[in-house]
């Protein structure tokens, strides 16, 4: 039972977390997966099949852009994602909503 609710709650914040990581610098998909895992203490362990639909949706909404890197030495080209100005504004709005939700939940739960 716990896993079901945990999965639903995590899904609700993934856009915000991905945008936050991209607010700092451009990143490629695997890099985002690893940073989400490391910075969350293994709470957010995403698979590529979870992350890439999020990135594609954020790109369709104009919140992120993607660019291919040039091949260097033995490294293959990578698709990097970077946040747009619209994405920065959206992140602020999403985070404000998140704070209101967590405050409301805390008040109801008496915490």
PDB file of N, CA and C in Angstrom:
ATOM      1  N   UNK A   1       0.825  -1.190   0.000  1.00  0.00           N
ATOM      2  CA  UNK A   1       0.000   0.000   0.000  1.00  0.00           C
ATOM      3  C   UNK A   1       0.867   1.251   0.000  1.00  0.00           C
ATOM      4  N   UNK A   2       1.892   1.255   0.822  1.00  0.00           N
ATOM      5  CA  UNK A   2       2.768   2.424   0.946  1.00  0.00           C
ATOM      6  C   UNK A   2       3.428   2.774  -0.386  1.00  0.00           C
ATOM      7  N   UNK A   3       3.877   1.740  -1.104  1.00  0.00           N
ATOM      8  CA  UNK A   3       4.566   1.974  -2.381  1.00  0.00           C
ATOM      9  C   UNK A   3       3.669   2.684  -3.388  1.00  0.00           C
ATOM     10  N   UNK A   4       2.402   2.331  -3.406  1.00  0.00           N
ATOM     11  CA  UNK A   4       1.451   2.946  -4.332  1.00  0.00           C
ATOM     12  C   UNK A   4       1.370   4.450  -4.086  1.00  0.00           C
ATOM     13  N   UNK A   5       1.193   4.854  -2.848  1.00  0.00           N
ATOM     14  CA  UNK A   5       1.062   6.270  -2.533  1.00  0.00           C
ATOM     15  C   UNK A   5       2.382   7.010  -2.692  1.00  0.00           C
ATOM     16  N   UNK A   6       3.455   6.342  -2.350  1.00  0.00           N
ATOM     17  CA  UNK A   6       4.776   6.954  -2.516  1.00  0.00           C
ATOM     18  C   UNK A   6       5.047   7.237  -3.986  1.00  0.00           C
ATOM     19  N   UNK A   7       4.697   6.295  -4.836  1.00  0.00           N
ATOM     20  CA  UNK A   7       4.897   6.449  -6.280  1.00  0.00           C
ATOM     21  C   UNK A   7       4.066   7.624  -6.811  1.00  0.00           C
ATOM     22  N   UNK A   8       2.823   7.753  -6.356  1.00  0.00           N
ATOM     23  CA  UNK A   8       1.966   8.851  -6.804  1.00  0.00           C
ATOM     24  C   UNK A   8       2.517  10.200  -6.350  1.00  0.00           C
ATOM     25  N   UNK A   9       2.990  10.286  -5.115  1.00  0.00           N
ATOM     26  CA  UNK A   9       3.520  11.547  -4.607  1.00  0.00           C
ATOM     27  C   UNK A   9       4.800  11.945  -5.339  1.00  0.00           C
ATOM     28  N   UNK A  10       5.660  10.989  -5.601  1.00  0.00           N
ATOM     29  CA  UNK A  10       6.904  11.272  -6.324  1.00  0.00           C
ATOM     30  C   UNK A  10       6.605  11.775  -7.730  1.00  0.00           C
ATOM     31  N   UNK A  11       5.644  11.143  -8.384  1.00  0.00           N
ATOM     32  CA  UNK A  11       5.297  11.521  -9.753  1.00  0.00           C
ATOM     33  C   UNK A  11       4.878  12.981  -9.822  1.00  0.00           C
ATOM     34  N   UNK A  12       4.233  13.470  -8.786  1.00  0.00           N
ATOM     35  CA  UNK A  12       3.745  14.834  -8.769  1.00  0.00           C
ATOM     36  C   UNK A  12       4.820  15.900  -8.680  1.00  0.00           C
ATOM     37  N   UNK A  13       6.027  15.528  -8.293  1.00  0.00           N
ATOM     38  CA  UNK A  13       7.090  16.532  -8.125  1.00  0.00           C
ATOM     39  C   UNK A  13       8.234  16.385  -9.116  1.00  0.00           C
ATOM     40  N   UNK A  14       8.170  15.415  -9.986  1.00  0.00           N
ATOM     41  CA  UNK A  14       9.292  15.164 -10.894  1.00  0.00           C
ATOM     42  C   UNK A  14       9.569  16.322 -11.841  1.00  0.00           C
ATOM     43  N   UNK A  15       8.541  16.941 -12.379  1.00  0.00           N
ATOM     44  CA  UNK A  15       8.762  18.082 -13.276  1.00  0.00           C
ATOM     45  C   UNK A  15       9.553  19.165 -12.546  1.00  0.00           C
ATOM     46  N   UNK A  16       9.126  19.471 -11.325  1.00  0.00           N
ATOM     47  CA  UNK A  16       9.783  20.517 -10.545  1.00  0.00           C
ATOM     48  C   UNK A  16      11.246  20.160 -10.282  1.00  0.00           C
ATOM     49  N   UNK A  17      11.523  18.920  -9.931  1.00  0.00           N
ATOM     50  CA  UNK A  17      12.890  18.518  -9.617  1.00  0.00           C
ATOM     51  C   UNK A  17      13.782  18.534 -10.853  1.00  0.00           C
ATOM     52  N   UNK A  18      13.267  18.087 -11.974  1.00  0.00           N
ATOM     53  CA  UNK A  18      14.042  18.107 -13.216  1.00  0.00           C
ATOM     54  C   UNK A  18      14.346  19.554 -13.605  1.00  0.00           C
ATOM     55  N   UNK A  19      13.342  20.420 -13.509  1.00  0.00           N
ATOM     56  CA  UNK A  19      13.578  21.828 -13.819  1.00  0.00           C
ATOM     57  C   UNK A  19      14.616  22.434 -12.880  1.00  0.00           C
ATOM     58  N   UNK A  20      14.554  22.075 -11.608  1.00  0.00           N
ATOM     59  CA  UNK A  20      15.523  22.613 -10.649  1.00  0.00           C
ATOM     60  C   UNK A  20      16.949  22.203 -11.015  1.00  0.00           C
ATOM     61  N   UNK A  21      17.139  20.966 -11.406  1.00  0.00           N
ATOM     62  CA  UNK A  21      18.481  20.518 -11.789  1.00  0.00           C
ATOM     63  C   UNK A  21      18.945  21.220 -13.070  1.00  0.00           C
ATOM     64  N   UNK A  22      18.021  21.486 -13.972  1.00  0.00           N
ATOM     65  CA  UNK A  22      18.388  22.164 -15.213  1.00  0.00           C
ATOM     66  C   UNK A  22      18.571  23.665 -15.024  1.00  0.00           C
ATOM     67  N   UNK A  23      18.068  24.211 -13.931  1.00  0.00           N
ATOM     68  CA  UNK A  23      18.236  25.637 -13.654  1.00  0.00           C
ATOM     69  C   UNK A  23      19.702  25.964 -13.395  1.00  0.00           C
ATOM     70  N   UNK A  24      20.457  24.980 -12.955  1.00  0.00           N
ATOM     71  CA  UNK A  24      21.855  25.198 -12.610  1.00  0.00           C
ATOM     72  C   UNK A  24      22.760  25.150 -13.839  1.00  0.00           C
ATOM     73  N   UNK A  25      22.519  24.211 -14.729  1.00  0.00           N
ATOM     74  CA  UNK A  25      23.318  24.068 -15.947  1.00  0.00           C
ATOM     75  C   UNK A  25      22.665  23.048 -16.866  1.00  0.00           C
ATOM     76  N   UNK A  26      23.100  23.030 -18.125  1.00  0.00           N
ATOM     77  CA  UNK A  26      22.570  22.037 -19.059  1.00  0.00           C
ATOM     78  C   UNK A  26      23.051  20.652 -18.626  1.00  0.00           C
ATOM     79  N   UNK A  27      22.201  19.660 -18.879  1.00  0.00           N
ATOM     80  CA  UNK A  27      22.535  18.284 -18.498  1.00  0.00           C
ATOM     81  C   UNK A  27      21.966  17.317 -19.534  1.00  0.00           C
ATOM     82  N   UNK A  28      22.557  16.143 -19.620  1.00  0.00           N
ATOM     83  CA  UNK A  28      22.018  15.100 -20.477  1.00  0.00           C
ATOM     84  C   UNK A  28      21.228  14.121 -19.608  1.00  0.00           C
ATOM     85  N   UNK A  29      20.440  13.283 -20.241  1.00  0.00           N
ATOM     86  CA  UNK A  29      19.497  12.428 -19.523  1.00  0.00           C
ATOM     87  C   UNK A  29      20.092  11.588 -18.411  1.00  0.00           C
ATOM     88  N   UNK A  30      21.117  10.825 -18.707  1.00  0.00           N
ATOM     89  CA  UNK A  30      21.710   9.956 -17.693  1.00  0.00           C
ATOM     90  C   UNK A  30      22.253  10.778 -16.523  1.00  0.00           C
ATOM     91  N   UNK A  31      22.782  11.932 -16.813  1.00  0.00           N
ATOM     92  CA  UNK A  31      23.291  12.837 -15.771  1.00  0.00           C
ATOM     93  C   UNK A  31      22.145  13.254 -14.846  1.00  0.00           C
ATOM     94  N   UNK A  32      20.995  13.556 -15.406  1.00  0.00           N
ATOM     95  CA  UNK A  32      19.828  13.906 -14.591  1.00  0.00           C
ATOM     96  C   UNK A  32      19.396  12.735 -13.709  1.00  0.00           C
ATOM     97  N   UNK A  33      19.376  11.556 -14.286  1.00  0.00           N
ATOM     98  CA  UNK A  33      18.996  10.360 -13.521  1.00  0.00           C
ATOM     99  C   UNK A  33      19.920  10.179 -12.331  1.00  0.00           C
ATOM    100  N   UNK A  34      21.220  10.296 -12.564  1.00  0.00           N
ATOM    101  CA  UNK A  34      22.192  10.096 -11.483  1.00  0.00           C
ATOM    102  C   UNK A  34      22.097  11.199 -10.421  1.00  0.00           C
ATOM    103  N   UNK A  35      21.918  12.437 -10.837  1.00  0.00           N
ATOM    104  CA  UNK A  35      21.815  13.533  -9.871  1.00  0.00           C
ATOM    105  C   UNK A  35      20.549  13.430  -9.038  1.00  0.00           C
ATOM    106  N   UNK A  36      19.443  13.050  -9.660  1.00  0.00           N
ATOM    107  CA  UNK A  36      18.210  12.861  -8.896  1.00  0.00           C
ATOM    108  C   UNK A  36      18.411  11.796  -7.823  1.00  0.00           C
ATOM    109  N   UNK A  37      19.065  10.722  -8.206  1.00  0.00           N
ATOM    110  CA  UNK A  37      19.314   9.629  -7.263  1.00  0.00           C
ATOM    111  C   UNK A  37      20.246  10.076  -6.138  1.00  0.00           C
ATOM    112  N   UNK A  38      21.360  10.665  -6.506  1.00  0.00           N
ATOM    113  CA  UNK A  38      22.371  11.053  -5.508  1.00  0.00           C
ATOM    114  C   UNK A  38      21.870  12.148  -4.573  1.00  0.00           C
ATOM    115  N   UNK A  39      21.285  13.196  -5.138  1.00  0.00           N
ATOM    116  CA  UNK A  39      20.868  14.342  -4.322  1.00  0.00           C
ATOM    117  C   UNK A  39      19.662  14.031  -3.452  1.00  0.00           C
ATOM    118  N   UNK A  40      18.898  13.007  -3.805  1.00  0.00           N
ATOM    119  CA  UNK A  40      17.725  12.640  -3.003  1.00  0.00           C
ATOM    120  C   UNK A  40      18.020  11.502  -2.032  1.00  0.00           C
ATOM    121  N   UNK A  41      19.250  11.030  -1.995  1.00  0.00           N
ATOM    122  CA  UNK A  41      19.558   9.900  -1.122  1.00  0.00           C
ATOM    123  C   UNK A  41      18.832   8.638  -1.547  1.00  0.00           C
ATOM    124  N   UNK A  42      18.774   8.401  -2.849  1.00  0.00           N
ATOM    125  CA  UNK A  42      18.132   7.227  -3.461  1.00  0.00           C
ATOM    126  C   UNK A  42      16.609   7.216  -3.349  1.00  0.00           C
ATOM    127  N   UNK A  43      15.999   8.348  -3.059  1.00  0.00           N
ATOM    128  CA  UNK A  43      14.540   8.421  -3.033  1.00  0.00           C
ATOM    129  C   UNK A  43      13.988   8.460  -4.456  1.00  0.00           C
ATOM    130  N   UNK A  44      14.671   9.190  -5.333  1.00  0.00           N
ATOM    131  CA  UNK A  44      14.232   9.312  -6.720  1.00  0.00           C
ATOM    132  C   UNK A  44      15.180   8.530  -7.618  1.00  0.00           C
ATOM    133  N   UNK A  45      14.831   7.276  -7.856  1.00  0.00           N
ATOM    134  CA  UNK A  45      15.619   6.380  -8.716  1.00  0.00           C
ATOM    135  C   UNK A  45      14.819   6.158 -10.002  1.00  0.00           C
ATOM    136  N   UNK A  46      15.004   7.044 -10.947  1.00  0.00           N
ATOM    137  CA  UNK A  46      14.234   6.988 -12.182  1.00  0.00           C
ATOM    138  C   UNK A  46      14.899   6.104 -13.217  1.00  0.00           C
ATOM    139  N   UNK A  47      14.063   5.558 -14.067  1.00  0.00           N
ATOM    140  CA  UNK A  47      14.533   4.827 -15.234  1.00  0.00           C
ATOM    141  C   UNK A  47      14.395   5.757 -16.431  1.00  0.00           C
ATOM    142  N   UNK A  48      15.111   5.440 -17.487  1.00  0.00           N
ATOM    143  CA  UNK A  48      15.050   6.268 -18.693  1.00  0.00           C
ATOM    144  C   UNK A  48      13.619   6.391 -19.211  1.00  0.00           C
ATOM    145  N   UNK A  49      12.855   5.310 -19.080  1.00  0.00           N
ATOM    146  CA  UNK A  49      11.474   5.306 -19.549  1.00  0.00           C
ATOM    147  C   UNK A  49      10.563   6.222 -18.754  1.00  0.00           C
ATOM    148  N   UNK A  50      11.029   6.664 -17.604  1.00  0.00           N
ATOM    149  CA  UNK A  50      10.282   7.634 -16.801  1.00  0.00           C
ATOM    150  C   UNK A  50      10.765   9.044 -17.089  1.00  0.00           C
ATOM    151  N   UNK A  51      12.081   9.225 -17.178  1.00  0.00           N
ATOM    152  CA  UNK A  51      12.648  10.561 -17.351  1.00  0.00           C
ATOM    153  C   UNK A  51      12.375  11.153 -18.729  1.00  0.00           C
ATOM    154  N   UNK A  52      12.600  10.397 -19.783  1.00  0.00           N
ATOM    155  CA  UNK A  52      12.524  10.987 -21.118  1.00  0.00           C
ATOM    156  C   UNK A  52      11.132  11.501 -21.490  1.00  0.00           C
ATOM    157  N   UNK A  53      10.056  10.824 -21.127  1.00  0.00           N
ATOM    158  CA  UNK A  53       8.741  11.439 -21.389  1.00  0.00           C
ATOM    159  C   UNK A  53       8.561  12.780 -20.661  1.00  0.00           C
ATOM    160  N   UNK A  54       9.134  12.908 -19.476  1.00  0.00           N
ATOM    161  CA  UNK A  54       9.080  14.181 -18.746  1.00  0.00           C
ATOM    162  C   UNK A  54       9.834  15.244 -19.535  1.00  0.00           C
ATOM    163  N   UNK A  55      11.036  14.927 -19.984  1.00  0.00           N
ATOM    164  CA  UNK A  55      11.839  15.884 -20.743  1.00  0.00           C
ATOM    165  C   UNK A  55      11.146  16.279 -22.042  1.00  0.00           C
ATOM    166  N   UNK A  56      10.557  15.309 -22.734  1.00  0.00           N
ATOM    167  CA  UNK A  56       9.872  15.611 -24.000  1.00  0.00           C
ATOM    168  C   UNK A  56       8.670  16.518 -23.751  1.00  0.00           C
ATOM    169  N   UNK A  57       7.928  16.262 -22.678  1.00  0.00           N
ATOM    170  CA  UNK A  57       6.773  17.087 -22.351  1.00  0.00           C
ATOM    171  C   UNK A  57       7.206  18.497 -21.979  1.00  0.00           C
ATOM    172  N   UNK A  58       8.261  18.620 -21.162  1.00  0.00           N
ATOM    173  CA  UNK A  58       8.772  19.936 -20.788  1.00  0.00           C
ATOM    174  C   UNK A  58       9.254  20.696 -22.021  1.00  0.00           C
ATOM    175  N   UNK A  59       9.826  19.960 -22.958  1.00  0.00           N
ATOM    176  CA  UNK A  59      10.281  20.588 -24.197  1.00  0.00           C
ATOM    177  C   UNK A  59       9.087  21.046 -25.046  1.00  0.00           C
ATOM    178  N   UNK A  60       8.059  20.207 -25.146  1.00  0.00           N
ATOM    179  CA  UNK A  60       6.857  20.578 -25.892  1.00  0.00           C
ATOM    180  C   UNK A  60       6.193  21.826 -25.299  1.00  0.00           C
ATOM    181  N   UNK A  61       6.298  21.979 -23.978  1.00  0.00           N
ATOM    182  CA  UNK A  61       5.696  23.130 -23.294  1.00  0.00           C
ATOM    183  C   UNK A  61       6.593  24.366 -23.360  1.00  0.00           C
ATOM    184  N   UNK A  62       7.773  24.231 -23.943  1.00  0.00           N
ATOM    185  CA  UNK A  62       8.692  25.353 -24.077  1.00  0.00           C
ATOM    186  C   UNK A  62       9.450  25.687 -22.796  1.00  0.00           C
ATOM    187  N   UNK A  63       9.469  24.758 -21.851  1.00  0.00           N
ATOM    188  CA  UNK A  63      10.150  24.997 -20.576  1.00  0.00           C
ATOM    189  C   UNK A  63      11.617  24.596 -20.629  1.00  0.00           C
ATOM    190  N   UNK A  64      11.955  23.683 -21.528  1.00  0.00           N
ATOM    191  CA  UNK A  64      13.349  23.298 -21.752  1.00  0.00           C
ATOM    192  C   UNK A  64      13.596  23.213 -23.250  1.00  0.00           C
ATOM    193  N   UNK A  65      14.861  23.295 -23.614  1.00  0.00           N
ATOM    194  CA  UNK A  65      15.296  23.094 -24.995  1.00  0.00           C
ATOM    195  C   UNK A  65      16.329  21.976 -24.989  1.00  0.00           C
ATOM    196  N   UNK A  66      16.488  21.333 -26.126  1.00  0.00           N
ATOM    197  CA  UNK A  66      17.530  20.314 -26.233  1.00  0.00           C
ATOM    198  C   UNK A  66      18.483  20.682 -27.359  1.00  0.00           C
ATOM    199  N   UNK A  67      19.730  20.307 -27.149  1.00  0.00           N
ATOM    200  CA  UNK A  67      20.779  20.540 -28.153  1.00  0.00           C
ATOM    201  C   UNK A  67      21.748  19.367 -28.120  1.00  0.00           C
ATOM    202  N   UNK A  68      22.198  18.996 -29.288  1.00  0.00           N
ATOM    203  CA  UNK A  68      23.188  17.932 -29.379  1.00  0.00           C
ATOM    204  C   UNK A  68      24.578  18.535 -29.227  1.00  0.00           C
ATOM    205  N   UNK A  69      25.423  17.821 -28.502  1.00  0.00           N
ATOM    206  CA  UNK A  69      26.824  18.234 -28.385  1.00  0.00           C
ATOM    207  C   UNK A  69      27.594  17.666 -29.571  1.00  0.00           C
ATOM    208  N   UNK A  70      28.743  18.218 -29.791  1.00  0.00           N
ATOM    209  CA  UNK A  70      29.648  17.686 -30.817  1.00  0.00           C
ATOM    210  C   UNK A  70      30.383  16.475 -30.243  1.00  0.00           C
ATOM    211  N   UNK A  71      30.712  15.540 -31.103  1.00  0.00           N
ATOM    212  CA  UNK A  71      31.505  14.394 -30.671  1.00  0.00           C
ATOM    213  C   UNK A  71      32.922  14.865 -30.361  1.00  0.00           C
ATOM    214  N   UNK A  72      33.437  14.458 -29.202  1.00  0.00           N
ATOM    215  CA  UNK A  72      34.788  14.831 -28.804  1.00  0.00           C
ATOM    216  C   UNK A  72      35.568  13.571 -28.452  1.00  0.00           C
ATOM    217  N   UNK A  73      36.756  13.459 -29.014  1.00  0.00           N
ATOM    218  CA  UNK A  73      37.596  12.282 -28.791  1.00  0.00           C
ATOM    219  C   UNK A  73      36.772  11.019 -29.031  1.00  0.00           C
ATOM    220  N   UNK A  74      36.664  10.177 -27.996  1.00  0.00           N
ATOM    221  CA  UNK A  74      35.905   8.936 -28.134  1.00  0.00           C
ATOM    222  C   UNK A  74      34.469   9.070 -27.628  1.00  0.00           C
ATOM    223  N   UNK A  75      34.119  10.239 -27.134  1.00  0.00           N
ATOM    224  CA  UNK A  75      32.782  10.459 -26.592  1.00  0.00           C
ATOM    225  C   UNK A  75      31.789  10.737 -27.720  1.00  0.00           C
ATOM    226  N   UNK A  76      30.698  10.029 -27.716  1.00  0.00           N
ATOM    227  CA  UNK A  76      29.656  10.217 -28.719  1.00  0.00           C
ATOM    228  C   UNK A  76      28.903  11.516 -28.436  1.00  0.00           C
ATOM    229  N   UNK A  77      28.232  12.070 -29.453  1.00  0.00           N
ATOM    230  CA  UNK A  77      27.407  13.261 -29.199  1.00  0.00           C
ATOM    231  C   UNK A  77      26.322  12.935 -28.172  1.00  0.00           C
ATOM    232  N   UNK A  78      26.009  13.911 -27.339  1.00  0.00           N
ATOM    233  CA  UNK A  78      24.969  13.740 -26.334  1.00  0.00           C
ATOM    234  C   UNK A  78      23.909  14.813 -26.526  1.00  0.00           C
ATOM    235  N   UNK A  79      22.696  14.458 -26.172  1.00  0.00           N
ATOM    236  CA  UNK A  79      21.607  15.423 -26.228  1.00  0.00           C
ATOM    237  C   UNK A  79      21.498  16.081 -24.855  1.00  0.00           C
ATOM    238  N   UNK A  80      21.771  17.359 -24.812  1.00  0.00           N
ATOM    239  CA  UNK A  80      21.702  18.122 -23.571  1.00  0.00           C
ATOM    240  C   UNK A  80      20.389  18.873 -23.499  1.00  0.00           C
ATOM    241  N   UNK A  81      19.898  19.006 -22.286  1.00  0.00           N
ATOM    242  CA  UNK A  81      18.675  19.768 -22.029  1.00  0.00           C
ATOM    243  C   UNK A  81      19.044  20.991 -21.211  1.00  0.00           C
ATOM    244  N   UNK A  82      18.440  22.132 -21.571  1.00  0.00           N
ATOM    245  CA  UNK A  82      18.675  23.349 -20.817  1.00  0.00           C
ATOM    246  C   UNK A  82      17.355  24.081 -20.624  1.00  0.00           C
ATOM    247  N   UNK A  83      17.270  24.810 -19.534  1.00  0.00           N
ATOM    248  CA  UNK A  83      16.040  25.495 -19.195  1.00  0.00           C
ATOM    249  C   UNK A  83      15.908  26.795 -19.973  1.00  0.00           C
ATOM    250  N   UNK A  84      14.676  27.109 -20.359  1.00  0.00           N
ATOM    251  CA  UNK A  84      14.380  28.368 -21.030  1.00  0.00           C
ATOM    252  C   UNK A  84      13.941  29.395 -19.982  1.00  0.00           C
ATOM    253  N   UNK A  85      13.794  30.631 -20.411  1.00  0.00           N
ATOM    254  CA  UNK A  85      13.268  31.662 -19.509  1.00  0.00           C
ATOM    255  C   UNK A  85      11.854  31.304 -19.046  1.00  0.00           C
ATOM    256  N   UNK A  86      11.076  30.764 -19.959  1.00  0.00           N
ATOM    257  CA  UNK A  86       9.728  30.324 -19.601  1.00  0.00           C
ATOM    258  C   UNK A  86       9.796  29.214 -18.544  1.00  0.00           C
ATOM    259  N   UNK A  87      10.789  28.350 -18.664  1.00  0.00           N
ATOM    260  CA  UNK A  87      10.981  27.279 -17.687  1.00  0.00           C
ATOM    261  C   UNK A  87      11.346  27.816 -16.312  1.00  0.00           C
ATOM    262  N   UNK A  88      12.159  28.868 -16.278  1.00  0.00           N
ATOM    263  CA  UNK A  88      12.531  29.479 -14.987  1.00  0.00           C
ATOM    264  C   UNK A  88      11.306  30.066 -14.300  1.00  0.00           C
ATOM    265  N   UNK A  89      10.476  30.714 -15.066  1.00  0.00           N
ATOM    266  CA  UNK A  89       9.250  31.285 -14.507  1.00  0.00           C
ATOM    267  C   UNK A  89       8.325  30.165 -14.018  1.00  0.00           C
ATOM    268  N   UNK A  90       8.195  29.117 -14.814  1.00  0.00           N
ATOM    269  CA  UNK A  90       7.339  27.989 -14.437  1.00  0.00           C
ATOM    270  C   UNK A  90       7.851  27.322 -13.171  1.00  0.00           C
ATOM    271  N   UNK A  91       9.169  27.184 -13.043  1.00  0.00           N
ATOM    272  CA  UNK A  91       9.743  26.563 -11.850  1.00  0.00           C
ATOM    273  C   UNK A  91       9.361  27.354 -10.603  1.00  0.00           C
ATOM    274  N   UNK A  92       9.457  28.674 -10.676  1.00  0.00           N
ATOM    275  CA  UNK A  92       9.063  29.509  -9.537  1.00  0.00           C
ATOM    276  C   UNK A  92       7.601  29.286  -9.179  1.00  0.00           C
ATOM    277  N   UNK A  93       6.742  29.220 -10.178  1.00  0.00           N
ATOM    278  CA  UNK A  93       5.307  29.020  -9.938  1.00  0.00           C
ATOM    279  C   UNK A  93       5.024  27.632  -9.368  1.00  0.00           C
ATOM    280  N   UNK A  94       5.672  26.626  -9.922  1.00  0.00           N
ATOM    281  CA  UNK A  94       5.470  25.249  -9.451  1.00  0.00           C
ATOM    282  C   UNK A  94       5.947  25.125  -8.005  1.00  0.00           C
ATOM    283  N   UNK A  95       7.104  25.704  -7.711  1.00  0.00           N
ATOM    284  CA  UNK A  95       7.641  25.606  -6.352  1.00  0.00           C
ATOM    285  C   UNK A  95       6.745  26.341  -5.347  1.00  0.00           C
ATOM    286  N   UNK A  96       6.200  27.483  -5.740  1.00  0.00           N
ATOM    287  CA  UNK A  96       5.276  28.205  -4.871  1.00  0.00           C
ATOM    288  C   UNK A  96       4.055  27.331  -4.567  1.00  0.00           C
ATOM    289  N   UNK A  97       3.516  26.680  -5.607  1.00  0.00           N
ATOM    290  CA  UNK A  97       2.375  25.776  -5.414  1.00  0.00           C
ATOM    291  C   UNK A  97       2.747  24.616  -4.503  1.00  0.00           C
ATOM    292  N   UNK A  98       3.932  24.072  -4.700  1.00  0.00           N
ATOM    293  CA  UNK A  98       4.400  22.961  -3.874  1.00  0.00           C
ATOM    294  C   UNK A  98       4.480  23.378  -2.406  1.00  0.00           C
ATOM    295  N   UNK A  99       4.997  24.558  -2.135  1.00  0.00           N
ATOM    296  CA  UNK A  99       5.086  25.051  -0.763  1.00  0.00           C
ATOM    297  C   UNK A  99       3.699  25.197  -0.152  1.00  0.00           C
ATOM    298  N   UNK A 100       2.749  25.702  -0.917  1.00  0.00           N
ATOM    299  CA  UNK A 100       1.386  25.834  -0.403  1.00  0.00           C
ATOM    300  C   UNK A 100       0.784  24.468  -0.087  1.00  0.00           C
ATOM    301  N   UNK A 101       1.019  23.513  -0.956  1.00  0.00           N
ATOM    302  CA  UNK A 101       0.486  22.166  -0.743  1.00  0.00           C
ATOM    303  C   UNK A 101       1.107  21.541   0.501  1.00  0.00           C
ATOM    304  N   UNK A 102       2.416  21.613   0.629  1.00  0.00           N
ATOM    305  CA  UNK A 102       3.059  20.994   1.798  1.00  0.00           C
ATOM    306  C   UNK A 102       2.661  21.705   3.085  1.00  0.00           C
ATOM    307  N   UNK A 103       2.487  23.025   3.036  1.00  0.00           N
ATOM    308  CA  UNK A 103       2.016  23.753   4.222  1.00  0.00           C
ATOM    309  C   UNK A 103       0.610  23.302   4.596  1.00  0.00           C
ATOM    310  N   UNK A 104      -0.253  23.181   3.608  1.00  0.00           N
ATOM    311  CA  UNK A 104      -1.628  22.740   3.862  1.00  0.00           C
ATOM    312  C   UNK A 104      -1.688  21.327   4.417  1.00  0.00           C
ATOM    313  N   UNK A 105      -0.887  20.443   3.851  1.00  0.00           N
ATOM    314  CA  UNK A 105      -0.850  19.062   4.346  1.00  0.00           C
ATOM    315  C   UNK A 105      -0.345  19.051   5.787  1.00  0.00           C
ATOM    316  N   UNK A 106       0.700  19.835   6.062  1.00  0.00           N
ATOM    317  CA  UNK A 106       1.237  19.909   7.423  1.00  0.00           C
ATOM    318  C   UNK A 106       0.202  20.397   8.415  1.00  0.00           C
ATOM    319  N   UNK A 107      -0.583  21.373   8.017  1.00  0.00           N
ATOM    320  CA  UNK A 107      -1.609  21.901   8.912  1.00  0.00           C
ATOM    321  C   UNK A 107      -2.689  20.860   9.192  1.00  0.00           C
ATOM    322  N   UNK A 108      -3.096  20.159   8.157  1.00  0.00           N
ATOM    323  CA  UNK A 108      -4.121  19.127   8.334  1.00  0.00           C
ATOM    324  C   UNK A 108      -3.594  17.981   9.193  1.00  0.00           C
ATOM    325  N   UNK A 109      -2.348  17.600   8.955  1.00  0.00           N
ATOM    326  CA  UNK A 109      -1.751  16.475   9.686  1.00  0.00           C
ATOM    327  C   UNK A 109      -1.312  16.873  11.099  1.00  0.00           C
ATOM    328  N   UNK A 110      -1.331  18.170  11.369  1.00  0.00           N
ATOM    329  CA  UNK A 110      -0.932  18.622  12.698  1.00  0.00           C
ATOM    330  C   UNK A 110       0.561  18.548  12.937  1.00  0.00           C
ATOM    331  N   UNK A 111       1.344  18.651  11.882  1.00  0.00           N
ATOM    332  CA  UNK A 111       2.810  18.547  11.990  1.00  0.00           C
ATOM    333  C   UNK A 111       3.444  19.902  11.875  1.00  0.00           C
TER     334      UNK A 111
END
